[in-house]
Amino acid sequence: MLAAVRSAAVLGVDAFDVTVEVDCTRGLPQWTIVGMPAGSVKESRERVSSALANAGIDLPPRRITVNLAPADVAKTGTAFDLPIAVAVLVAFGVVPEASVRDAVFLGELGLDGSVRPVRGALSVARRLSQHDRRRTLVLPTSSIGEASLVRDLALCAPASIGELVGWLRSGALPAASRPEATRAAAETTDFSDVVGQESGKRVLEVAAAGGHNVLLIGPPGAGKTMLARRLPSILPSLTEEETLEVTAIHSVAGMVNGATVIAAQRPFRAPHHSVSTAGLIGGGGNPRPGEASLAHHGVLFLDELLEFPRHTLEALRQPLEDGRVVIARALTVVCYPARFMLVAAMNPCPCGHAGDSSRVCLCSLPEIARYRSRLSGPLLDRIDLHLTLAPVPLRSLGEVAAAESSARVRERVEAARGRQRSRYRLTDGARCNGGVPGRLLLRQLTADARALLDSAAESLALSARGYNRVVKVARTIADLACDERIDPPHVAEALRYRPQAEVIRR
């Protein structure tokens, strides 16, 4: 008998429909799985047969052929165990065919018949909600938390294959109880912890308000890492749609547990400088999202920037421009979203003390030039804000002063982003100034501001990209000042954050 059951698979972070077809005929008992299955999918025949036997479901020996359609797309993972088992039961007449018509099945089976969690459940739930809302998603109990974030989709969560068979025979799939969503505890770091470094705080405020990339340069102990780790505390909270996108990426990466947890702050990822290219941007034999995608809608912090391999850093060019990572393989192309704020920190020289008035730099000019050449000009050109930090005097560290809190700064950031949302409501994909085409902002320059920018662009030899990024930063500074037009003071401040890139490149 022939049977067909609906399932789904995840490619990148997007789900697509898969139909599991099973044909049971007389002949030598054997299992054959076709449809470009990976090794983990081929192994499902042992898991399914053992799970059914241990669940007390005895099937006569037959020749079983399983097809995963569409057959021209590679299938990976263990999520097809449950739909294959259900399709086999329908083919043998154990379960009525009508009971599975309006359901989509997803789950891994243990040898004891238990239904275990799989990656990408939220991606599947989002696709069904958008394209086939009338169907019920049958998935593991441990995956209910993330799938529950999609509110308008019916969910069913059996603990075992035996329990699911009983429900299908009765003709009704009971709705799963949805756990209460809990908000993760926010980090306790605050801008008020930082002594001095007012210029660094200002740069991060501008970066947070406009979604700009930042490079902090300074000797060890100047406070670069301390400032960067407090950036999430001044960023606006994730919107509902952004929360779904971030959780979907983390689900595909296997970082979501059974509870429904809503992030209180935007992602902050800080990989070690020994990270591989695949670890940073994603990839591998079985592609997985990298740190750039895990930082989607958040911050990617690269401490000790020049210690990263140059070829690894160069891989960031595409996501910095396009907001996504495209990984091409022989059989498929995988795309991961990666719209993040890049915050990088580096020392000015190998010993770290170049430009430090309190310590002597032991590096020669050729050594400094070789050290800084590890970072290419094209990558530097994609960083909007460059700031050199000086160490805070030691006597100032013991002073108790009322520094501005992150909450106060966040209010200004949210107000500036609110102006940007209103301004770009008709611009596709534009959430803040950092992602807006520069041509849309040039008309907002006053005549004096345009003259100042053109003059500075010639003297600093700015590239066309650098020119546009100065305009974007100036627009953000104007938003923080509640100004509708970009005036010369806004351009002047934006230019102060640009020349560092030109100095390093030379």
Protein backbone atom coordinates (compact mmCIF):
# COMPACT_ATOMS: atom_id res chain seq x y z
CA MET A 1 0.00 0.00 0.00
CA LEU A 2 1.15 3.56 -0.73
CA ALA A 3 1.00 6.31 1.90
CA ALA A 4 2.06 9.97 2.01
CA VAL A 5 2.66 12.18 5.06
CA ARG A 6 3.54 15.87 5.23
CA SER A 7 6.77 17.02 6.87
CA ALA A 8 9.27 19.85 6.45
CA ALA A 9 13.00 20.51 6.37
CA VAL A 10 15.17 23.56 7.00
CA LEU A 11 17.61 25.03 4.49
CA GLY A 12 19.59 27.82 6.10
CA VAL A 13 16.96 29.27 8.45
CA ASP A 14 14.00 28.89 6.08
CA ALA A 15 11.78 25.81 6.01
CA PHE A 16 10.40 24.08 2.93
CA ASP A 17 7.74 21.38 2.50
CA VAL A 18 8.73 17.72 2.28
CA THR A 19 6.37 14.87 1.45
CA VAL A 20 7.32 11.51 2.92
CA GLU A 21 6.03 8.72 0.64
CA VAL A 22 6.14 5.09 1.74
CA ASP A 23 5.38 2.05 -0.40
CA CYS A 24 5.04 -1.38 1.25
CA THR A 25 5.08 -4.40 -1.08
CA ARG A 26 5.69 -8.14 -0.84
CA GLY A 27 9.24 -9.29 -1.29
CA LEU A 28 12.45 -9.70 0.65
CA PRO A 29 12.22 -7.60 3.85
CA GLN A 30 14.34 -4.49 3.46
CA TRP A 31 14.25 -0.70 3.78
CA THR A 32 15.24 1.66 0.97
CA ILE A 33 15.29 5.44 1.47
CA VAL A 34 15.63 7.69 -1.59
CA GLY A 35 15.37 11.42 -2.21
CA MET A 36 18.97 12.54 -1.58
CA PRO A 37 19.09 11.47 2.10
CA ALA A 38 22.19 12.17 4.18
CA GLY A 39 23.69 9.52 6.43
CA SER A 40 21.61 10.65 9.43
CA VAL A 41 18.44 10.23 7.35
CA LYS A 42 19.41 6.76 6.09
CA GLU A 43 19.93 5.65 9.69
CA SER A 44 16.29 6.44 10.45
CA ARG A 45 15.26 2.99 9.21
CA GLU A 46 16.97 1.39 12.24
CA ARG A 47 15.56 3.96 14.66
CA VAL A 48 12.04 3.71 13.25
CA SER A 49 11.90 -0.09 13.16
CA SER A 50 13.26 -0.40 16.72
CA ALA A 51 10.97 2.37 18.03
CA LEU A 52 7.87 0.71 16.56
CA ALA A 53 8.86 -2.71 17.90
CA ASN A 54 9.55 -1.36 21.41
CA ALA A 55 6.27 0.53 21.33
CA GLY A 56 4.44 -2.81 20.89
CA ILE A 57 3.58 -2.30 17.22
CA ASP A 58 4.36 -5.47 15.27
CA LEU A 59 4.53 -5.15 11.50
CA PRO A 60 4.74 -8.01 9.00
CA PRO A 61 7.99 -8.27 7.04
CA ARG A 62 7.72 -6.29 3.82
CA ARG A 63 9.82 -4.49 1.24
CA ILE A 64 9.57 -0.81 2.29
CA THR A 65 10.56 2.06 0.01
CA VAL A 66 10.67 5.59 1.42
CA ASN A 67 10.86 8.64 -0.86
CA LEU A 68 11.49 12.16 0.41
CA ALA A 69 10.07 14.63 -2.09
CA PRO A 70 11.28 16.91 -3.61
CA ALA A 71 13.93 14.34 -4.48
CA ASP A 72 16.42 16.85 -5.92
CA VAL A 73 17.11 18.64 -2.61
CA ALA A 74 19.51 17.15 -0.06
CA LYS A 75 17.88 16.06 3.23
CA THR A 76 19.81 16.07 6.50
CA GLY A 77 19.07 15.60 10.19
CA THR A 78 16.89 13.27 12.22
CA ALA A 79 13.58 15.15 11.98
CA PHE A 80 12.20 12.70 9.40
CA ASP A 81 12.02 9.79 11.88
CA LEU A 82 8.51 10.63 13.06
CA PRO A 83 6.95 11.27 9.62
CA ILE A 84 8.54 8.10 8.23
CA ALA A 85 7.15 6.08 11.13
CA VAL A 86 3.66 7.56 10.69
CA ALA A 87 3.76 6.98 6.91
CA VAL A 88 4.78 3.34 7.47
CA LEU A 89 1.89 2.86 9.91
CA VAL A 90 -0.54 4.35 7.39
CA ALA A 91 0.83 2.11 4.63
CA PHE A 92 0.31 -0.97 6.83
CA GLY A 93 -3.21 0.11 7.78
CA VAL A 94 -2.38 0.57 11.47
CA VAL A 95 -3.39 4.23 11.33
CA PRO A 96 -6.25 5.56 9.14
CA GLU A 97 -5.11 7.74 6.26
CA ALA A 98 -7.71 10.44 6.98
CA SER A 99 -6.20 11.10 10.42
CA VAL A 100 -2.91 12.44 8.98
CA ARG A 101 -4.21 14.62 6.12
CA ASP A 102 -4.25 17.87 8.07
CA ALA A 103 -1.06 17.35 10.06
CA VAL A 104 2.64 18.00 9.56
CA PHE A 105 5.02 15.72 11.45
CA LEU A 106 8.49 16.53 12.76
CA GLY A 107 10.64 14.70 15.30
CA GLU A 108 13.43 12.26 16.08
CA LEU A 109 12.64 8.84 17.52
CA GLY A 110 14.52 7.09 20.30
CA LEU A 111 14.83 3.32 20.23
CA ASP A 112 12.27 3.18 23.05
CA GLY A 113 9.72 5.04 20.93
CA SER A 114 10.14 8.42 22.61
CA VAL A 115 9.91 11.56 20.47
CA ARG A 116 13.03 13.69 20.81
CA PRO A 117 13.68 17.37 19.93
CA VAL A 118 15.04 18.52 16.59
CA ARG A 119 16.59 21.70 15.27
CA GLY A 120 14.63 24.29 13.32
CA ALA A 121 11.16 23.72 14.82
CA LEU A 122 10.49 27.46 14.90
CA SER A 123 11.37 27.84 11.21
CA VAL A 124 8.86 25.11 10.33
CA ALA A 125 6.19 26.70 12.53
CA ARG A 126 6.72 30.10 10.90
CA ARG A 127 6.37 28.63 7.40
CA LEU A 128 3.15 26.80 8.27
CA SER A 129 1.75 29.95 9.86
CA GLN A 130 2.46 31.91 6.69
CA HIS A 131 1.43 29.35 4.07
CA ASP A 132 -0.68 26.54 5.55
CA ARG A 133 -2.19 27.69 8.83
CA ARG A 134 -5.01 25.13 8.89
CA ARG A 135 -2.65 22.21 9.48
CA THR A 136 -1.56 20.97 12.91
CA LEU A 137 2.16 20.75 13.59
CA VAL A 138 3.03 17.53 15.44
CA LEU A 139 6.43 17.87 17.07
CA PRO A 140 8.39 16.82 20.19
CA THR A 141 7.36 18.10 23.59
CA SER A 142 10.77 19.73 24.05
CA SER A 143 10.25 21.83 20.91
CA ILE A 144 6.89 23.26 22.00
CA GLY A 145 8.55 26.25 23.68
CA GLU A 146 10.05 27.75 20.52
CA ALA A 147 7.12 26.77 18.27
CA SER A 148 4.74 28.49 20.71
CA LEU A 149 6.23 31.84 19.70
CA VAL A 150 4.05 31.44 16.57
CA ARG A 151 0.69 32.08 18.19
CA ASP A 152 -1.75 31.31 15.34
CA LEU A 153 -0.72 27.70 14.68
CA ALA A 154 -2.20 24.52 16.20
CA LEU A 155 0.43 22.37 17.92
CA CYS A 156 0.40 18.77 19.12
CA ALA A 157 3.21 17.24 21.18
CA PRO A 158 3.20 13.47 21.78
CA ALA A 159 5.73 12.08 24.22
CA SER A 160 6.10 8.81 22.29
CA ILE A 161 5.11 7.14 19.04
CA GLY A 162 2.74 4.87 20.95
CA GLU A 163 0.86 7.85 22.37
CA LEU A 164 0.64 9.42 18.89
CA VAL A 165 -0.76 6.20 17.40
CA GLY A 166 -3.51 6.17 20.01
CA TRP A 167 -4.47 9.75 19.14
CA LEU A 168 -4.46 9.06 15.39
CA ARG A 169 -6.64 6.00 15.81
CA SER A 170 -9.15 8.03 17.81
CA GLY A 171 -9.25 10.60 15.01
CA ALA A 172 -8.27 13.64 17.11
CA LEU A 173 -4.93 15.30 17.82
CA PRO A 174 -5.15 17.10 21.19
CA ALA A 175 -3.76 20.62 21.33
CA ALA A 176 -0.52 20.92 23.27
CA SER A 177 -0.39 23.20 26.27
CA ARG A 178 1.74 26.22 25.47
CA PRO A 179 4.27 27.19 28.15
CA GLU A 180 4.35 30.75 29.39
CA ALA A 181 7.01 32.80 27.67
CA THR A 182 9.70 33.99 30.05
CA ARG A 183 12.07 36.89 29.49
CA ALA A 184 15.73 36.15 29.95
CA ALA A 185 17.50 38.13 32.63
CA ALA A 186 19.26 41.19 31.24
CA GLU A 187 22.96 41.75 31.73
CA THR A 188 23.80 43.81 34.80
CA THR A 189 26.57 45.77 33.07
CA ASP A 190 25.86 49.49 32.82
CA PHE A 191 27.47 52.54 31.25
CA SER A 192 27.70 54.09 34.70
CA ASP A 193 30.41 51.52 35.51
CA VAL A 194 32.79 53.17 33.05
CA VAL A 195 35.02 55.86 34.52
CA GLY A 196 35.96 58.56 32.05
CA GLN A 197 36.12 57.70 28.32
CA GLU A 198 33.37 60.15 27.46
CA SER A 199 34.40 60.10 23.82
CA GLY A 200 34.04 56.31 23.76
CA LYS A 201 30.57 56.52 25.30
CA ARG A 202 29.56 59.12 22.73
CA VAL A 203 30.76 56.96 19.83
CA LEU A 204 28.84 53.93 21.08
CA GLU A 205 25.72 56.04 21.55
CA VAL A 206 25.96 57.21 17.92
CA ALA A 207 26.61 53.63 16.81
CA ALA A 208 23.60 52.31 18.74
CA ALA A 209 21.31 55.06 17.43
CA GLY A 210 22.18 54.45 13.78
CA GLY A 211 23.30 50.81 13.63
CA HIS A 212 26.89 51.74 12.69
CA ASN A 213 30.08 49.66 12.87
CA VAL A 214 32.80 50.75 15.32
CA LEU A 215 36.56 50.34 15.64
CA LEU A 216 38.13 51.15 19.02
CA ILE A 217 41.91 51.60 19.06
CA GLY A 218 43.93 51.97 22.23
CA PRO A 219 46.56 50.48 24.54
CA PRO A 220 45.77 47.57 26.87
CA GLY A 221 43.60 48.63 29.79
CA ALA A 222 42.16 51.70 28.07
CA GLY A 223 38.62 50.33 28.46
CA LYS A 224 37.89 49.11 24.91
CA THR A 225 36.41 45.77 25.97
CA MET A 226 34.58 47.28 28.94
CA LEU A 227 32.85 49.78 26.66
CA ALA A 228 31.99 47.22 23.98
CA ARG A 229 30.41 44.79 26.44
CA ARG A 230 28.08 47.54 27.66
CA LEU A 231 26.81 48.38 24.19
CA PRO A 232 23.82 45.95 24.37
CA SER A 233 22.58 47.80 27.46
CA ILE A 234 21.82 50.92 25.38
CA LEU A 235 20.34 49.16 22.34
CA PRO A 236 16.55 49.09 21.86
CA SER A 237 14.75 45.88 22.80
CA LEU A 238 14.05 43.35 20.07
CA THR A 239 10.73 43.70 18.28
CA GLU A 240 8.45 40.67 18.03
CA GLU A 241 9.53 39.96 14.46
CA GLU A 242 13.22 40.36 15.35
CA THR A 243 12.75 37.99 18.28
CA LEU A 244 11.36 35.32 15.94
CA GLU A 245 14.26 35.78 13.51
CA VAL A 246 16.91 35.58 16.23
CA THR A 247 15.28 32.55 17.89
CA ALA A 248 14.96 30.78 14.53
CA ILE A 249 18.70 31.14 13.92
CA HIS A 250 19.55 29.91 17.41
CA SER A 251 17.14 26.98 16.93
CA VAL A 252 18.89 25.91 13.71
CA ALA A 253 22.20 26.16 15.58
CA GLY A 254 20.85 23.92 18.37
CA MET A 255 21.01 26.62 21.04
CA VAL A 256 17.33 26.65 22.08
CA ASN A 257 16.17 24.55 25.03
CA GLY A 258 12.64 23.41 25.79
CA ALA A 259 11.50 26.60 27.53
CA THR A 260 10.03 29.61 25.77
CA VAL A 261 12.64 32.26 26.44
CA ILE A 262 12.42 35.74 24.96
CA ALA A 263 15.70 37.62 24.86
CA ALA A 264 15.77 40.73 27.03
CA GLN A 265 18.70 42.19 25.09
CA ARG A 266 19.98 41.91 21.58
CA PRO A 267 22.53 39.15 20.89
CA PHE A 268 26.14 39.85 21.80
CA ARG A 269 28.68 37.46 20.33
CA ALA A 270 32.40 37.69 21.11
CA PRO A 271 34.30 34.86 19.38
CA HIS A 272 37.95 34.17 20.24
CA HIS A 273 40.52 35.20 17.65
CA SER A 274 41.29 31.52 16.97
CA VAL A 275 37.84 31.04 15.41
CA SER A 276 37.82 29.51 11.92
CA THR A 277 36.26 31.14 8.89
CA ALA A 278 33.38 28.64 9.00
CA GLY A 279 32.93 29.34 12.70
CA LEU A 280 32.75 33.09 12.08
CA ILE A 281 30.48 33.29 9.03
CA GLY A 282 28.99 29.78 8.95
CA GLY A 283 29.53 26.70 6.81
CA GLY A 284 31.07 23.30 7.35
CA GLY A 285 30.26 19.94 5.78
CA ASN A 286 26.73 20.17 7.16
CA PRO A 287 26.31 23.99 7.06
CA ARG A 288 25.54 25.71 10.34
CA PRO A 289 25.16 29.42 11.11
CA GLY A 290 28.34 31.11 12.32
CA GLU A 291 28.97 33.85 14.84
CA ALA A 292 27.99 36.53 12.31
CA SER A 293 24.50 35.03 11.98
CA LEU A 294 24.17 34.32 15.70
CA ALA A 295 24.75 38.07 16.18
CA HIS A 296 21.84 38.92 13.82
CA HIS A 297 20.05 42.06 15.08
CA GLY A 298 22.74 42.40 17.73
CA VAL A 299 26.48 42.95 18.17
CA LEU A 300 29.47 41.01 16.87
CA PHE A 301 32.46 41.97 19.01
CA LEU A 302 35.93 41.12 17.75
CA ASP A 303 38.44 41.78 20.50
CA GLU A 304 42.13 41.86 19.58
CA LEU A 305 41.07 42.36 15.96
CA LEU A 306 44.51 42.05 14.39
CA GLU A 307 45.04 38.63 15.99
CA PHE A 308 42.30 37.19 13.76
CA PRO A 309 43.58 35.58 10.53
CA ARG A 310 43.32 38.05 7.68
CA HIS A 311 41.38 35.65 5.42
CA THR A 312 38.85 35.14 8.22
CA LEU A 313 38.27 38.87 8.61
CA GLU A 314 37.95 39.34 4.84
CA ALA A 315 35.01 36.91 4.87
CA LEU A 316 33.05 39.58 6.76
CA ARG A 317 32.92 41.89 3.74
CA GLN A 318 29.75 40.36 2.30
CA PRO A 319 27.65 40.34 5.49
CA LEU A 320 28.76 43.90 6.34
CA GLU A 321 27.41 45.06 2.96
CA ASP A 322 24.44 42.74 2.34
CA GLY A 323 23.34 41.74 5.85
CA ARG A 324 23.47 38.06 4.98
CA VAL A 325 25.89 35.16 4.44
CA VAL A 326 25.63 33.00 1.32
CA ILE A 327 27.35 29.61 1.50
CA ALA A 328 27.62 27.73 -1.80
CA ARG A 329 28.02 23.98 -1.83
CA ALA A 330 28.09 21.47 -4.68
CA LEU A 331 24.44 20.51 -4.26
CA THR A 332 22.87 23.56 -2.66
CA VAL A 333 23.21 27.20 -1.67
CA VAL A 334 22.48 28.15 1.96
CA CYS A 335 21.69 31.70 3.05
CA TYR A 336 21.84 32.92 6.65
CA PRO A 337 20.77 36.40 7.78
CA ALA A 338 23.62 38.39 9.35
CA ARG A 339 22.59 42.00 9.92
CA PHE A 340 24.74 42.89 12.91
CA MET A 341 26.71 45.79 14.34
CA LEU A 342 30.43 45.10 14.15
CA VAL A 343 32.40 46.39 17.13
CA ALA A 344 36.13 45.74 16.96
CA ALA A 345 38.96 46.56 19.35
CA MET A 346 42.67 46.56 18.60
CA ASN A 347 46.00 47.73 19.97
CA PRO A 348 47.86 50.46 18.04
CA CYS A 349 51.04 48.38 17.74
CA PRO A 350 52.44 44.94 18.71
CA CYS A 351 53.49 46.09 22.20
CA GLY A 352 50.28 48.10 22.56
CA HIS A 353 51.79 51.37 23.74
CA ALA A 354 52.11 53.48 20.59
CA GLY A 355 50.71 56.92 21.35
CA ASP A 356 50.60 56.23 25.12
CA SER A 357 52.20 59.18 26.91
CA SER A 358 52.77 57.17 30.10
CA ARG A 359 54.69 54.29 28.52
CA VAL A 360 57.38 53.92 25.87
CA CYS A 361 56.57 52.05 22.66
CA LEU A 362 59.29 49.52 21.79
CA CYS A 363 58.08 48.88 18.23
CA SER A 364 59.83 50.18 15.13
CA LEU A 365 57.90 51.92 12.36
CA PRO A 366 58.21 48.89 10.01
CA GLU A 367 56.88 46.61 12.78
CA ILE A 368 53.90 48.91 13.34
CA ALA A 369 53.27 49.07 9.58
CA ARG A 370 53.35 45.25 9.26
CA TYR A 371 51.09 44.89 12.28
CA ARG A 372 48.46 47.25 10.95
CA SER A 373 48.64 45.82 7.43
CA ARG A 374 46.88 42.71 8.73
CA LEU A 375 43.67 44.72 8.34
CA SER A 376 42.82 45.53 4.73
CA GLY A 377 41.68 48.93 3.49
CA PRO A 378 38.41 47.61 2.00
CA LEU A 379 37.39 46.14 5.35
CA LEU A 380 38.32 49.33 7.20
CA ASP A 381 36.27 51.30 4.70
CA ARG A 382 33.17 49.40 5.85
CA ILE A 383 33.59 50.58 9.45
CA ASP A 384 31.77 53.85 10.08
CA LEU A 385 33.24 55.03 13.39
CA HIS A 386 36.94 54.96 14.30
CA LEU A 387 38.10 56.18 17.69
CA THR A 388 41.47 56.15 19.45
CA LEU A 389 41.17 55.85 23.24
CA ALA A 390 43.74 57.07 25.73
CA PRO A 391 44.17 55.31 29.09
CA VAL A 392 42.24 56.75 32.02
CA PRO A 393 44.60 58.20 34.66
CA LEU A 394 44.91 55.80 37.59
CA ARG A 395 44.02 58.49 40.11
CA SER A 396 40.64 58.87 38.37
CA LEU A 397 39.67 55.24 38.92
CA GLY A 398 39.02 55.79 42.61
CA GLU A 399 36.81 58.81 42.09
CA VAL A 400 33.11 58.37 42.79
CA ALA A 401 31.12 60.41 40.29
CA ALA A 402 27.53 60.20 39.11
CA ALA A 403 28.08 58.82 35.58
CA GLU A 404 25.16 58.62 33.16
CA SER A 405 23.34 55.29 33.28
CA SER A 406 22.56 53.03 30.33
CA ALA A 407 18.84 53.68 30.80
CA ARG A 408 19.29 57.41 30.14
CA VAL A 409 21.39 56.78 27.04
CA ARG A 410 18.90 54.17 25.80
CA GLU A 411 16.10 56.72 25.93
CA ARG A 412 17.97 58.95 23.48
CA VAL A 413 18.84 55.97 21.29
CA GLU A 414 15.23 54.79 21.13
CA ALA A 415 14.02 58.31 20.34
CA ALA A 416 16.54 58.58 17.48
CA ARG A 417 15.55 55.18 16.10
CA GLY A 418 11.90 56.18 16.33
CA ARG A 419 12.62 59.14 14.04
CA GLN A 420 14.37 56.81 11.61
CA ARG A 421 11.49 54.31 11.53
CA SER A 422 9.13 57.16 10.74
CA ARG A 423 11.42 58.52 8.04
CA TYR A 424 12.10 55.19 6.31
CA ARG A 425 8.69 53.55 6.66
CA LEU A 426 8.43 53.29 2.85
CA THR A 427 12.01 52.10 2.33
CA ASP A 428 12.28 48.31 2.10
CA GLY A 429 14.67 46.78 4.61
CA ALA A 430 15.68 50.10 6.19
CA ARG A 431 15.54 49.95 9.99
CA CYS A 432 18.10 52.62 10.80
CA ASN A 433 20.56 54.98 9.15
CA GLY A 434 23.32 52.38 8.89
CA GLY A 435 21.29 50.34 6.39
CA VAL A 436 19.95 53.18 4.22
CA PRO A 437 21.41 53.93 0.76
CA GLY A 438 23.52 57.07 0.97
CA ARG A 439 21.74 58.72 -1.97
CA LEU A 440 18.57 59.00 0.12
CA LEU A 441 20.41 61.09 2.71
CA LEU A 442 22.37 63.47 0.48
CA ARG A 443 19.30 65.62 -0.11
CA GLN A 444 19.03 66.16 3.66
CA LEU A 445 22.38 68.02 3.79
CA THR A 446 22.25 71.78 4.03
CA ALA A 447 24.34 73.71 1.49
CA ASP A 448 27.01 74.55 4.09
CA ALA A 449 27.15 70.94 5.30
CA ARG A 450 27.54 69.71 1.72
CA ALA A 451 30.38 72.16 1.08
CA LEU A 452 32.18 71.06 4.26
CA LEU A 453 31.78 67.40 3.38
CA ASP A 454 33.05 67.85 -0.19
CA SER A 455 36.09 69.77 1.01
CA ALA A 456 36.93 67.17 3.67
CA ALA A 457 36.41 64.30 1.24
CA GLU A 458 39.12 65.67 -1.03
CA SER A 459 41.63 66.35 1.74
CA LEU A 460 41.08 62.96 3.38
CA ALA A 461 40.87 61.08 0.04
CA LEU A 462 37.62 59.41 1.08
CA SER A 463 36.27 56.64 -1.12
CA ALA A 464 32.70 56.77 -2.39
CA ARG A 465 31.74 54.27 0.32
CA GLY A 466 33.51 56.34 2.98
CA TYR A 467 31.75 59.48 1.73
CA ASN A 468 28.34 57.83 2.07
CA ARG A 469 29.15 56.46 5.50
CA VAL A 470 30.08 59.92 6.75
CA VAL A 471 26.67 61.12 5.59
CA LYS A 472 24.96 58.24 7.42
CA VAL A 473 26.81 58.98 10.66
CA ALA A 474 26.02 62.70 10.34
CA ARG A 475 22.34 61.82 9.86
CA THR A 476 22.42 59.79 13.08
CA ILE A 477 24.09 62.64 14.98
CA ALA A 478 21.37 64.96 13.71
CA ASP A 479 18.70 62.49 14.87
CA LEU A 480 20.21 62.44 18.36
CA ALA A 481 20.07 66.24 18.33
CA CYS A 482 16.42 66.18 17.12
CA ASP A 483 17.34 68.08 13.95
CA GLU A 484 15.51 67.46 10.68
CA ARG A 485 18.41 68.63 8.48
CA ILE A 486 22.08 67.68 8.49
CA ASP A 487 24.05 70.79 9.46
CA PRO A 488 27.83 71.48 9.41
CA PRO A 489 28.34 70.57 13.12
CA HIS A 490 26.85 67.13 12.45
CA VAL A 491 29.16 66.58 9.48
CA ALA A 492 32.15 67.89 11.44
CA GLU A 493 31.59 65.38 14.25
CA ALA A 494 31.10 62.54 11.76
CA LEU A 495 34.38 63.44 10.04
CA ARG A 496 36.21 63.26 13.39
CA TYR A 497 35.41 59.55 13.48
CA ARG A 498 36.63 58.90 9.95
CA PRO A 499 40.30 59.96 9.51
CA GLN A 500 41.58 57.13 11.70
CA ALA A 501 40.77 54.67 8.93
CA GLU A 502 42.84 56.70 6.47
CA VAL A 503 45.81 56.91 8.88
CA ILE A 504 45.88 53.16 9.48
CA ARG A 505 45.52 52.35 5.80
CA ARG A 506 48.59 54.38 4.91
